[in-house]
Amino acid sequence: MIKMTEIKLGDKVRCKYTGFTGLATAKTEFINGCIQILVLPKADKNNKMPEEVGIDSQSLEVIEPKKVQQVKKRNGGAMRKVMRMRGF
């Protein structure tokens, strides 16, 4: 298990108390300081999408961090001309 102080959107998380597992899809911070994370579980066998569940961030732990994809760098090729665009 990975110990992290802050849950990021896209992380796979699990509730310490109920064992509910899914992806962190949204973060809600209330005026009283409570922070809830919306957790979306996997689809069932019939590909029916379950509803998200709001869980307090204190009771969640990160199982697997979000996978970060590498972005290809541009090769520095020629740019297209923009002179004939609409409005110019």
Protein backbone atom coordinates (compact mmCIF):
# COMPACT_ATOMS: atom_id res chain seq x y z
CA MET A 1 0.00 0.00 0.00
CA ILE A 2 1.16 3.50 -0.84
CA LYS A 3 0.99 6.15 1.88
CA MET A 4 0.06 9.55 0.48
CA THR A 5 -1.09 12.67 2.25
CA GLU A 6 -3.37 13.94 -0.51
CA ILE A 7 -5.66 11.98 -2.80
CA LYS A 8 -5.49 13.10 -6.41
CA LEU A 9 -8.24 12.67 -8.97
CA GLY A 10 -7.72 9.46 -10.93
CA ASP A 11 -6.12 7.58 -8.02
CA LYS A 12 -7.47 4.14 -7.14
CA VAL A 13 -8.63 4.36 -3.52
CA ARG A 14 -10.15 2.14 -0.83
CA CYS A 15 -12.20 2.96 2.25
CA LYS A 16 -10.37 1.79 5.40
CA TYR A 17 -13.59 0.82 7.15
CA THR A 18 -15.88 -0.67 4.50
CA GLY A 19 -13.39 -1.87 1.88
CA PHE A 20 -15.22 0.02 -0.90
CA THR A 21 -12.79 0.40 -3.83
CA GLY A 22 -12.85 2.60 -6.92
CA LEU A 23 -11.43 5.63 -8.73
CA ALA A 24 -11.43 9.11 -7.20
CA THR A 25 -13.43 11.21 -9.68
CA ALA A 26 -14.36 14.41 -7.82
CA LYS A 27 -13.44 16.34 -4.69
CA THR A 28 -15.87 18.39 -2.61
CA GLU A 29 -14.72 20.75 0.13
CA PHE A 30 -17.44 21.98 2.47
CA ILE A 31 -17.44 25.31 4.30
CA ASN A 32 -16.94 23.54 7.64
CA GLY A 33 -13.66 22.00 6.37
CA CYS A 34 -14.93 18.50 5.61
CA ILE A 35 -13.47 17.08 2.38
CA GLN A 36 -15.29 14.32 0.54
CA ILE A 37 -14.05 12.35 -2.45
CA LEU A 38 -16.49 10.84 -4.95
CA VAL A 39 -15.44 7.24 -5.61
CA LEU A 40 -16.62 5.42 -8.74
CA PRO A 41 -16.47 1.60 -8.55
CA LYS A 42 -15.97 -0.70 -11.55
CA ALA A 43 -18.93 -1.55 -13.77
CA ASP A 44 -20.74 -4.83 -13.05
CA LYS A 45 -20.83 -7.90 -15.33
CA ASN A 46 -23.68 -6.43 -17.41
CA ASN A 47 -21.64 -3.21 -17.97
CA LYS A 48 -24.14 -1.29 -15.86
CA MET A 49 -22.46 1.81 -14.44
CA PRO A 50 -22.89 2.06 -10.65
CA GLU A 51 -23.40 5.37 -8.88
CA GLU A 52 -20.55 7.24 -7.27
CA VAL A 53 -20.27 7.30 -3.49
CA GLY A 54 -19.06 10.29 -1.47
CA ILE A 55 -16.58 9.22 1.21
CA ASP A 56 -14.66 11.41 3.70
CA SER A 57 -11.05 11.83 2.62
CA GLN A 58 -9.79 10.85 6.08
CA SER A 59 -11.17 7.33 5.70
CA LEU A 60 -9.64 6.72 2.26
CA GLU A 61 -6.26 5.30 1.38
CA VAL A 62 -4.53 5.29 -2.00
CA ILE A 63 -4.06 1.80 -3.44
CA GLU A 64 -2.61 2.81 -6.79
CA PRO A 65 -1.68 6.33 -7.92
CA LYS A 66 -2.94 7.75 -11.19
CA LYS A 67 -0.98 6.60 -14.21
CA VAL A 68 0.71 9.57 -15.86
CA GLN A 69 1.16 9.38 -19.62
CA GLN A 70 4.20 10.91 -21.24
CA VAL A 71 3.44 13.63 -23.79
CA LYS A 72 5.46 13.57 -26.98
CA LYS A 73 7.58 16.64 -27.55
CA ARG A 74 7.13 18.49 -30.81
CA ASN A 75 9.80 17.95 -33.40
CA GLY A 76 10.07 21.64 -34.25
CA GLY A 77 8.70 21.27 -37.77
CA ALA A 78 7.28 24.07 -39.89
CA MET A 79 4.16 25.85 -38.65
CA ARG A 80 1.17 26.28 -40.90
CA LYS A 81 0.31 29.74 -42.12
CA VAL A 82 -2.57 31.45 -40.37
CA MET A 83 -2.97 34.44 -42.71
CA ARG A 84 -6.08 33.14 -44.46
CA MET A 85 -8.05 32.28 -41.34
CA ARG A 86 -11.52 33.72 -41.01
CA GLY A 87 -11.55 37.29 -39.73
CA PHE A 88 -7.97 38.21 -40.74
